[in-house]
Amino acid sequence: MDAPTPGRLGWLLCDVSALTDPDLADLGELARLQLRARRAGRELRLVGAGERLRELIALVGLSEQLPLLTGPFLLQPRRQPEQWEEHVRVEEAVQPDDPPG
């Protein structure tokens, strides 16, 4: 199976930041969610996992089954150009004898 990509029928992002005191029951629920997602042709990715949840996932050996996504890029939706913005295409010509700037 090809690696899923965000935004397509691939990754299903699950914000787990509210799990401040996770236990094995929480991991069981997350594992069941992953199973349901895979049966639907998707992949669950956990976002916002705290240190305790990350440690618990690693401790029980579910790091591959419950992958974590980190990074500020997840919090910023893709920006679409506004209606009045002009779509500008920039083409750059390079002179063979022009020194790099």
N, C-alpha and C. Protein backbone atom coordinates (compact mmCIF):
# COMPACT_ATOMS: atom_id res chain seq x y z
N MET A 1 0.85 -1.18 0.00
CA MET A 1 0.00 0.00 0.00
C MET A 1 0.89 1.24 0.00
N ASP A 2 0.55 2.23 -0.83
CA ASP A 2 1.32 3.47 -0.88
C ASP A 2 1.13 4.24 0.42
N ALA A 3 2.12 5.06 0.74
CA ALA A 3 2.03 5.88 1.95
C ALA A 3 0.92 6.91 1.80
N PRO A 4 0.01 6.99 2.76
CA PRO A 4 -1.06 7.98 2.69
C PRO A 4 -0.51 9.40 2.80
N THR A 5 -1.27 10.33 2.28
CA THR A 5 -0.87 11.73 2.37
C THR A 5 -1.98 12.52 3.04
N PRO A 6 -1.62 13.57 3.79
CA PRO A 6 -2.65 14.36 4.45
C PRO A 6 -3.56 15.03 3.44
N GLY A 7 -4.82 15.15 3.78
CA GLY A 7 -5.76 15.87 2.95
C GLY A 7 -6.43 15.02 1.89
N ARG A 8 -5.91 13.89 1.57
CA ARG A 8 -6.53 12.98 0.63
C ARG A 8 -7.09 11.82 1.44
N LEU A 9 -7.70 10.88 0.76
CA LEU A 9 -8.17 9.71 1.49
C LEU A 9 -6.95 8.93 1.95
N GLY A 10 -6.34 9.42 2.98
CA GLY A 10 -5.13 8.84 3.51
C GLY A 10 -5.09 9.03 5.00
N TRP A 11 -4.51 10.11 5.43
CA TRP A 11 -4.37 10.35 6.86
C TRP A 11 -5.65 10.88 7.48
N LEU A 12 -5.93 10.35 8.65
CA LEU A 12 -7.03 10.83 9.48
C LEU A 12 -6.38 11.36 10.75
N LEU A 13 -6.37 12.68 10.91
CA LEU A 13 -5.70 13.30 12.05
C LEU A 13 -6.60 13.27 13.28
N CYS A 14 -6.02 12.85 14.40
CA CYS A 14 -6.76 12.75 15.66
C CYS A 14 -6.04 13.59 16.71
N ASP A 15 -6.68 14.66 17.16
CA ASP A 15 -6.10 15.53 18.18
C ASP A 15 -6.27 14.87 19.55
N VAL A 16 -5.14 14.48 20.14
CA VAL A 16 -5.16 13.79 21.42
C VAL A 16 -4.63 14.67 22.55
N SER A 17 -4.61 15.97 22.33
CA SER A 17 -4.05 16.89 23.33
C SER A 17 -4.86 16.90 24.63
N ALA A 18 -6.12 16.48 24.59
CA ALA A 18 -6.94 16.45 25.80
C ALA A 18 -6.61 15.24 26.69
N LEU A 19 -5.85 14.29 26.19
CA LEU A 19 -5.46 13.12 26.99
C LEU A 19 -4.26 13.49 27.85
N THR A 20 -4.51 14.16 28.95
CA THR A 20 -3.43 14.62 29.82
C THR A 20 -2.94 13.55 30.79
N ASP A 21 -3.78 12.56 31.08
CA ASP A 21 -3.41 11.46 31.97
C ASP A 21 -3.84 10.14 31.33
N PRO A 22 -3.22 9.78 30.20
CA PRO A 22 -3.66 8.59 29.46
C PRO A 22 -3.32 7.30 30.19
N ASP A 23 -4.12 6.27 29.91
CA ASP A 23 -3.87 4.96 30.48
C ASP A 23 -4.03 3.91 29.38
N LEU A 24 -3.94 2.64 29.77
CA LEU A 24 -4.02 1.57 28.77
C LEU A 24 -5.38 1.52 28.08
N ALA A 25 -6.43 1.90 28.77
CA ALA A 25 -7.75 1.93 28.15
C ALA A 25 -7.78 2.95 27.00
N ASP A 26 -7.13 4.10 27.20
CA ASP A 26 -7.05 5.10 26.14
C ASP A 26 -6.28 4.56 24.94
N LEU A 27 -5.18 3.84 25.20
CA LEU A 27 -4.42 3.25 24.11
C LEU A 27 -5.25 2.22 23.36
N GLY A 28 -6.04 1.46 24.09
CA GLY A 28 -6.92 0.48 23.45
C GLY A 28 -7.92 1.15 22.51
N GLU A 29 -8.47 2.27 22.95
CA GLU A 29 -9.42 3.01 22.10
C GLU A 29 -8.72 3.56 20.86
N LEU A 30 -7.53 4.10 21.04
CA LEU A 30 -6.78 4.63 19.89
C LEU A 30 -6.42 3.51 18.91
N ALA A 31 -6.06 2.35 19.44
CA ALA A 31 -5.74 1.21 18.57
C ALA A 31 -6.98 0.76 17.79
N ARG A 32 -8.14 0.78 18.44
CA ARG A 32 -9.38 0.43 17.74
C ARG A 32 -9.72 1.47 16.65
N LEU A 33 -9.47 2.74 16.96
CA LEU A 33 -9.68 3.78 15.94
C LEU A 33 -8.77 3.56 14.73
N GLN A 34 -7.52 3.19 15.00
CA GLN A 34 -6.58 2.92 13.91
C GLN A 34 -7.07 1.74 13.08
N LEU A 35 -7.56 0.72 13.73
CA LEU A 35 -8.08 -0.46 13.02
C LEU A 35 -9.26 -0.08 12.13
N ARG A 36 -10.18 0.70 12.65
CA ARG A 36 -11.33 1.15 11.85
C ARG A 36 -10.88 2.02 10.68
N ALA A 37 -9.91 2.89 10.93
CA ALA A 37 -9.40 3.76 9.87
C ALA A 37 -8.77 2.92 8.76
N ARG A 38 -7.97 1.93 9.13
CA ARG A 38 -7.32 1.08 8.12
C ARG A 38 -8.32 0.27 7.32
N ARG A 39 -9.36 -0.19 7.99
CA ARG A 39 -10.41 -0.93 7.27
C ARG A 39 -11.12 -0.05 6.24
N ALA A 40 -11.11 1.27 6.50
CA ALA A 40 -11.73 2.23 5.58
C ALA A 40 -10.72 2.79 4.58
N GLY A 41 -9.50 2.25 4.58
CA GLY A 41 -8.48 2.70 3.65
C GLY A 41 -7.76 3.96 4.07
N ARG A 42 -7.81 4.28 5.35
CA ARG A 42 -7.18 5.49 5.88
C ARG A 42 -6.11 5.09 6.89
N GLU A 43 -5.37 6.07 7.36
CA GLU A 43 -4.35 5.85 8.40
C GLU A 43 -4.53 6.92 9.47
N LEU A 44 -4.64 6.51 10.71
CA LEU A 44 -4.77 7.43 11.83
C LEU A 44 -3.41 7.99 12.19
N ARG A 45 -3.33 9.30 12.39
CA ARG A 45 -2.12 9.98 12.85
C ARG A 45 -2.50 10.81 14.07
N LEU A 46 -1.74 10.67 15.14
CA LEU A 46 -2.03 11.38 16.38
C LEU A 46 -1.32 12.73 16.40
N VAL A 47 -2.07 13.74 16.75
CA VAL A 47 -1.56 15.11 16.80
C VAL A 47 -1.73 15.64 18.22
N GLY A 48 -0.72 16.33 18.73
CA GLY A 48 -0.83 16.97 20.04
C GLY A 48 -0.62 16.04 21.22
N ALA A 49 0.07 14.93 21.00
CA ALA A 49 0.30 13.98 22.09
C ALA A 49 1.26 14.57 23.12
N GLY A 50 0.87 14.48 24.38
CA GLY A 50 1.72 14.93 25.46
C GLY A 50 2.83 13.93 25.74
N GLU A 51 3.74 14.33 26.59
CA GLU A 51 4.89 13.48 26.91
C GLU A 51 4.46 12.14 27.48
N ARG A 52 3.48 12.14 28.39
CA ARG A 52 3.03 10.89 29.01
C ARG A 52 2.44 9.93 27.97
N LEU A 53 1.64 10.44 27.05
CA LEU A 53 1.06 9.58 26.02
C LEU A 53 2.15 9.04 25.10
N ARG A 54 3.10 9.88 24.72
CA ARG A 54 4.20 9.42 23.86
C ARG A 54 5.00 8.31 24.56
N GLU A 55 5.27 8.50 25.84
CA GLU A 55 6.01 7.49 26.60
C GLU A 55 5.23 6.19 26.71
N LEU A 56 3.93 6.29 26.96
CA LEU A 56 3.09 5.10 27.10
C LEU A 56 3.01 4.33 25.79
N ILE A 57 2.88 5.05 24.67
CA ILE A 57 2.84 4.39 23.36
C ILE A 57 4.15 3.64 23.11
N ALA A 58 5.27 4.27 23.43
CA ALA A 58 6.58 3.62 23.24
C ALA A 58 6.75 2.44 24.18
N LEU A 59 6.31 2.59 25.43
CA LEU A 59 6.47 1.54 26.44
C LEU A 59 5.76 0.25 26.03
N VAL A 60 4.56 0.37 25.49
CA VAL A 60 3.80 -0.83 25.13
C VAL A 60 4.09 -1.29 23.70
N GLY A 61 4.98 -0.58 23.00
CA GLY A 61 5.40 -1.03 21.67
C GLY A 61 4.42 -0.72 20.55
N LEU A 62 3.65 0.35 20.68
CA LEU A 62 2.68 0.70 19.65
C LEU A 62 3.12 1.90 18.80
N SER A 63 4.40 2.23 18.82
CA SER A 63 4.87 3.40 18.08
C SER A 63 4.60 3.31 16.58
N GLU A 64 4.73 2.12 16.02
CA GLU A 64 4.46 1.96 14.58
C GLU A 64 2.97 1.93 14.29
N GLN A 65 2.18 1.40 15.20
CA GLN A 65 0.74 1.30 14.99
C GLN A 65 0.03 2.62 15.25
N LEU A 66 0.58 3.45 16.14
CA LEU A 66 -0.03 4.74 16.48
C LEU A 66 0.98 5.85 16.23
N PRO A 67 1.23 6.17 14.95
CA PRO A 67 2.24 7.19 14.63
C PRO A 67 1.81 8.59 15.07
N LEU A 68 2.81 9.35 15.50
CA LEU A 68 2.58 10.71 15.98
C LEU A 68 3.04 11.71 14.93
N LEU A 69 2.29 12.78 14.79
CA LEU A 69 2.70 13.89 13.94
C LEU A 69 2.98 15.08 14.83
N THR A 70 4.07 15.76 14.55
CA THR A 70 4.42 16.95 15.31
C THR A 70 4.77 18.05 14.35
N GLY A 71 4.71 19.27 14.81
CA GLY A 71 5.11 20.40 14.00
C GLY A 71 4.04 21.45 13.90
N PRO A 72 4.46 22.70 13.80
CA PRO A 72 3.49 23.79 13.73
C PRO A 72 2.71 23.83 12.42
N PHE A 73 3.20 23.14 11.38
CA PHE A 73 2.52 23.17 10.09
C PHE A 73 1.12 22.59 10.17
N LEU A 74 0.86 21.76 11.17
CA LEU A 74 -0.45 21.15 11.29
C LEU A 74 -1.50 22.14 11.77
N LEU A 75 -1.07 23.21 12.40
CA LEU A 75 -2.02 24.17 12.97
C LEU A 75 -2.42 25.25 11.98
N GLN A 76 -1.75 25.31 10.84
CA GLN A 76 -2.01 26.36 9.88
C GLN A 76 -2.65 25.77 8.63
N PRO A 77 -3.91 26.11 8.36
CA PRO A 77 -4.53 25.60 7.13
C PRO A 77 -3.87 26.20 5.91
N ARG A 78 -3.96 25.49 4.81
CA ARG A 78 -3.41 26.03 3.58
C ARG A 78 -4.17 27.27 3.18
N ARG A 79 -3.45 28.27 2.76
CA ARG A 79 -4.05 29.53 2.38
C ARG A 79 -4.37 29.51 0.89
N GLN A 80 -5.58 29.89 0.57
CA GLN A 80 -6.00 30.03 -0.82
C GLN A 80 -5.92 31.50 -1.21
N PRO A 81 -5.56 31.82 -2.46
CA PRO A 81 -5.51 33.23 -2.85
C PRO A 81 -6.88 33.87 -2.78
N GLU A 82 -6.90 35.10 -2.34
CA GLU A 82 -8.15 35.84 -2.28
C GLU A 82 -8.63 36.13 -3.70
N GLN A 83 -9.90 36.40 -3.82
CA GLN A 83 -10.51 36.63 -5.12
C GLN A 83 -9.83 37.76 -5.87
N TRP A 84 -9.46 38.81 -5.17
CA TRP A 84 -8.91 39.98 -5.83
C TRP A 84 -7.39 39.91 -6.01
N GLU A 85 -6.75 38.90 -5.46
CA GLU A 85 -5.32 38.78 -5.63
C GLU A 85 -5.00 38.30 -7.03
N GLU A 86 -4.00 38.90 -7.60
CA GLU A 86 -3.58 38.52 -8.94
C GLU A 86 -2.65 37.32 -8.84
N HIS A 87 -2.89 36.35 -9.68
CA HIS A 87 -2.01 35.19 -9.73
C HIS A 87 -0.80 35.59 -10.55
N VAL A 88 0.35 35.65 -9.91
CA VAL A 88 1.55 36.12 -10.57
C VAL A 88 2.50 34.95 -10.77
N ARG A 89 3.00 34.84 -11.96
CA ARG A 89 3.99 33.80 -12.25
C ARG A 89 5.31 34.51 -12.50
N VAL A 90 6.32 34.12 -11.75
CA VAL A 90 7.62 34.76 -11.87
C VAL A 90 8.54 33.83 -12.65
N GLU A 91 9.14 34.38 -13.68
CA GLU A 91 10.13 33.63 -14.44
C GLU A 91 11.44 34.39 -14.33
N GLU A 92 12.49 33.66 -14.10
CA GLU A 92 13.78 34.29 -13.91
C GLU A 92 14.72 33.85 -15.02
N ALA A 93 15.33 34.82 -15.66
CA ALA A 93 16.32 34.51 -16.69
C ALA A 93 17.70 34.58 -16.08
N VAL A 94 18.54 33.67 -16.45
CA VAL A 94 19.90 33.63 -15.92
C VAL A 94 20.86 33.93 -17.05
N GLN A 95 21.74 34.88 -16.79
CA GLN A 95 22.78 35.21 -17.76
C GLN A 95 23.98 34.33 -17.48
N PRO A 96 24.58 33.71 -18.49
CA PRO A 96 25.71 32.81 -18.25
C PRO A 96 26.90 33.49 -17.57
N ASP A 97 27.14 34.78 -17.84
CA ASP A 97 28.29 35.45 -17.26
C ASP A 97 27.93 36.26 -16.02
N ASP A 98 26.69 36.11 -15.51
CA ASP A 98 26.23 36.85 -14.35
C ASP A 98 26.69 36.14 -13.08
N PRO A 99 27.46 36.84 -12.21
CA PRO A 99 27.90 36.20 -10.97
C PRO A 99 26.73 35.95 -10.03
N PRO A 100 26.78 34.88 -9.22
CA PRO A 100 25.68 34.62 -8.26
C PRO A 100 25.59 35.75 -7.25
N GLY A 101 24.33 36.08 -6.91
CA GLY A 101 24.09 37.25 -6.10
C GLY A 101 24.11 37.07 -4.67
